[in-house]
Protein backbone atom coordinates (compact mmCIF):
# COMPACT_ATOMS: atom_id res chain seq x y z
CA MET A 1 -4.09 10.33 -21.29
CA LYS A 2 -5.01 13.24 -19.02
CA ILE A 3 -7.04 10.85 -16.87
CA PHE A 4 -3.95 8.75 -16.20
CA LYS A 5 -1.87 11.81 -15.33
CA LYS A 6 -4.54 13.05 -12.93
CA ALA A 7 -4.77 9.62 -11.29
CA ILE A 8 -1.00 9.40 -10.87
CA ILE A 9 -0.75 12.92 -9.46
CA ARG A 10 -3.72 12.36 -7.11
CA ASP A 11 -2.23 9.14 -5.73
CA ILE A 12 1.22 10.64 -5.22
CA ILE A 13 -0.17 13.77 -3.54
CA THR A 14 -2.30 11.58 -1.25
CA ASN A 15 0.77 9.57 -0.27
CA VAL A 16 2.76 12.76 0.37
CA ILE A 17 -0.04 14.14 2.57
CA TYR A 18 -0.22 10.91 4.60
CA SER A 19 3.55 10.85 5.06
CA ILE A 20 3.56 14.51 6.17
CA LEU A 21 0.81 13.72 8.70
CA VAL A 22 2.82 10.80 10.07
CA ILE A 23 5.94 12.98 10.33
CA LEU A 24 3.99 15.71 12.12
CA TYR A 25 2.45 13.20 14.53
CA PHE A 26 5.80 11.73 15.53
CA TRP A 27 7.40 15.17 15.72
CA CYS A 28 4.65 16.35 18.08
CA TYR A 29 4.96 13.15 20.10
CA ASN A 30 8.73 13.58 20.51
CA ALA A 31 8.24 17.21 21.55
CA GLN A 32 5.64 16.27 24.15
CA VAL A 33 7.60 13.38 25.63
CA THR A 34 10.18 15.78 27.02
CA LEU A 35 7.55 18.16 28.41
CA LEU A 36 4.97 15.85 29.99
CA ASP A 37 5.11 13.30 32.81
CA SER A 38 4.79 9.55 32.30
CA PRO A 39 1.06 9.04 33.12
CA THR A 40 0.11 11.86 30.76
CA ILE A 41 2.25 10.38 27.97
CA THR A 42 0.58 7.00 28.51
CA LYS A 43 -2.84 8.61 28.18
CA TYR A 44 -1.63 10.46 25.07
CA ILE A 45 -0.42 7.20 23.52
CA ASN A 46 -3.69 5.42 24.31
CA ILE A 47 -5.86 8.24 22.96
CA SER A 48 -3.85 8.66 19.76
CA SER A 49 -3.75 4.92 19.15
CA LEU A 50 -7.50 4.68 19.68
CA THR A 51 -8.02 7.63 17.32
CA PHE A 52 -5.94 5.98 14.58
CA LEU A 53 -7.81 2.73 15.15
CA GLY A 54 -11.15 4.54 14.82
CA ILE A 55 -10.01 6.17 11.57
CA ALA A 56 -8.90 2.75 10.27
CA ILE A 57 -12.27 1.16 11.12
CA ILE A 58 -14.15 4.01 9.41
CA MET A 59 -11.97 3.61 6.31
CA PHE A 60 -12.58 -0.15 6.31
CA GLU A 61 -16.33 0.43 6.43
CA TRP A 62 -16.26 2.97 3.61
CA ALA A 63 -14.03 0.71 1.52
CA TYR A 64 -16.40 -2.20 2.09
CA ARG A 65 -19.52 -0.22 1.21
CA LYS A 66 -18.07 1.48 -1.85
CA ASP A 67 -15.87 -1.46 -2.88
CA LYS A 68 -12.73 0.66 -3.15
CA SER A 69 -9.43 -1.11 -2.63
CA LYS A 70 -7.38 2.10 -2.30
CA LEU A 71 -9.43 3.19 0.70
CA TYR A 72 -8.92 -0.26 2.21
CA VAL A 73 -5.15 0.15 1.85
CA TYR A 74 -5.30 3.54 3.56
CA GLY A 75 -7.25 1.88 6.37
CA LEU A 76 -4.52 -0.74 6.71
CA GLU A 77 -1.95 2.04 6.90
CA PHE A 78 -3.83 3.73 9.74
CA LEU A 79 -4.18 0.37 11.48
CA ALA A 80 -0.40 -0.10 11.24
CA LEU A 81 0.09 3.39 12.64
CA ALA A 82 -2.29 2.60 15.54
CA ILE A 83 -0.41 -0.60 16.35
CA PHE A 84 2.95 1.16 16.08
CA THR A 85 1.72 3.91 18.38
CA LEU A 86 0.37 1.43 20.90
CA LEU A 87 3.70 -0.41 20.95
CA ILE A 88 5.62 2.80 21.81
CA LYS A 89 5.22 1.89 25.47
CA HIS A 90 6.69 -1.61 25.18
CA ILE A 91 9.07 -2.09 22.23
CA PRO A 92 11.72 0.46 23.32
CA LYS A 93 11.96 -1.33 26.68
CA VAL A 94 12.24 -4.77 25.09
CA PHE A 95 14.99 -3.81 22.62
CA GLY A 96 16.73 -1.24 24.81
CA TYR A 97 15.99 1.76 22.58
CA THR A 98 14.98 5.20 23.68
CA THR A 99 11.49 6.29 22.78
CA LYS A 100 12.91 8.95 20.46
CA THR A 101 14.98 6.37 18.57
CA TYR A 102 11.96 4.09 18.22
CA THR A 103 9.78 6.89 16.85
CA GLU A 104 12.54 8.00 14.46
CA ILE A 105 12.87 4.44 13.13
CA GLY A 106 9.08 4.31 12.73
CA THR A 107 9.04 7.66 10.95
CA TYR A 108 11.73 6.57 8.52
CA ALA A 109 9.93 3.27 7.94
CA PHE A 110 6.65 5.04 7.14
CA ILE A 111 8.42 7.53 4.84
CA GLY A 112 10.18 4.69 3.04
CA TYR A 113 6.90 2.84 2.70
CA TYR A 114 5.14 5.84 1.18
CA ILE A 115 8.00 6.49 -1.25
CA LEU A 116 7.98 2.83 -2.31
CA LYS A 117 4.19 2.85 -2.59
CA SER A 118 4.25 6.00 -4.75
CA GLY A 119 6.84 4.45 -7.03
CA ILE A 120 4.84 1.25 -7.43
CA GLN A 121 1.61 3.16 -8.08
CA TYR A 122 3.36 5.33 -10.67
CA THR A 123 4.78 2.27 -12.42
CA ILE A 124 1.41 0.49 -12.47
CA GLU A 125 -0.42 3.56 -13.81
CA LYS A 126 2.19 4.09 -16.53
CA GLN A 127 1.99 0.42 -17.50
CA ASN A 128 -1.81 0.63 -17.72
CA GLN A 129 -1.48 3.79 -19.80
CA LEU A 130 0.90 2.11 -22.23
CA LYS A 131 -1.37 -0.93 -22.49
CA SER A 132 -4.32 1.30 -23.36
CA LEU A 133 -2.35 3.04 -26.11
CA SER A 134 -1.37 -0.21 -27.78
CA ASP A 135 -3.71 -1.45 -30.49
CA ILE A 136 -1.88 -4.69 -31.13
CA LYS A 137 -4.75 -6.70 -29.70
CA GLU A 138 -7.07 -5.26 -32.33
CA ILE A 139 -4.65 -5.83 -35.17
CA VAL A 140 -3.70 -9.36 -34.28
CA LYS A 141 -6.80 -11.30 -33.56
CA GLU A 142 -6.12 -14.72 -32.28
CA GLU A 143 -8.54 -17.06 -33.92
CA PRO A 144 -8.13 -20.72 -33.33
CA ARG A 145 -6.94 -22.54 -36.40
CA LYS A 146 -8.12 -26.00 -37.07
CA LYS A 147 -5.50 -28.34 -38.35
CA THR A 148 -6.60 -30.85 -40.86
CA THR A 149 -6.04 -34.37 -39.80
CA LYS A 150 -3.60 -36.31 -41.86
CA ARG A 151 -3.97 -39.96 -42.32
CA LYS A 152 -0.88 -41.95 -42.15
CA ASN A 153 -0.73 -44.54 -44.84
CA LEU A 154 0.92 -47.56 -43.48
CA LYS A 155 1.77 -50.21 -45.97
CA VAL A 156 1.06 -53.52 -44.52
CA GLU A 157 3.56 -56.06 -45.61
CA GLU A 158 1.87 -59.20 -46.66
CA GLY A 159 3.24 -62.48 -45.67
CA LYS A 160 4.61 -61.64 -42.35
């Protein structure tokens, strides 16, 4: 039971840390947009997107070598963050948003994702915990029962 609690707490804390990092990244980005000129911001976007992409590739490699699906999911999250960061230059222009609005929408989307993910992980871990506590499978053993065949006695009417 303690193992399940530790797993739940570890997963939720990991999600909180990732969401805080995303919030800090976008907060720093919004602060720097007002201070720096356009070519420097473009370089900043490219470097940060490439950094997130490198982190995602490293996580994919580790997940592949160690066969861990949670690490693969974290890699996908960093890949999504890299793509979102790379699109900062184009999407606000296409939809007529300001860069600040776009990054705020992205921040709220990532926060919502991590809250939803934590809730789903908590539910799955609790369900697994409850399944492990149940001993119904041991009590009720399903053994196939063989039905005896019954012969139908048909009386054949003679003369017809």
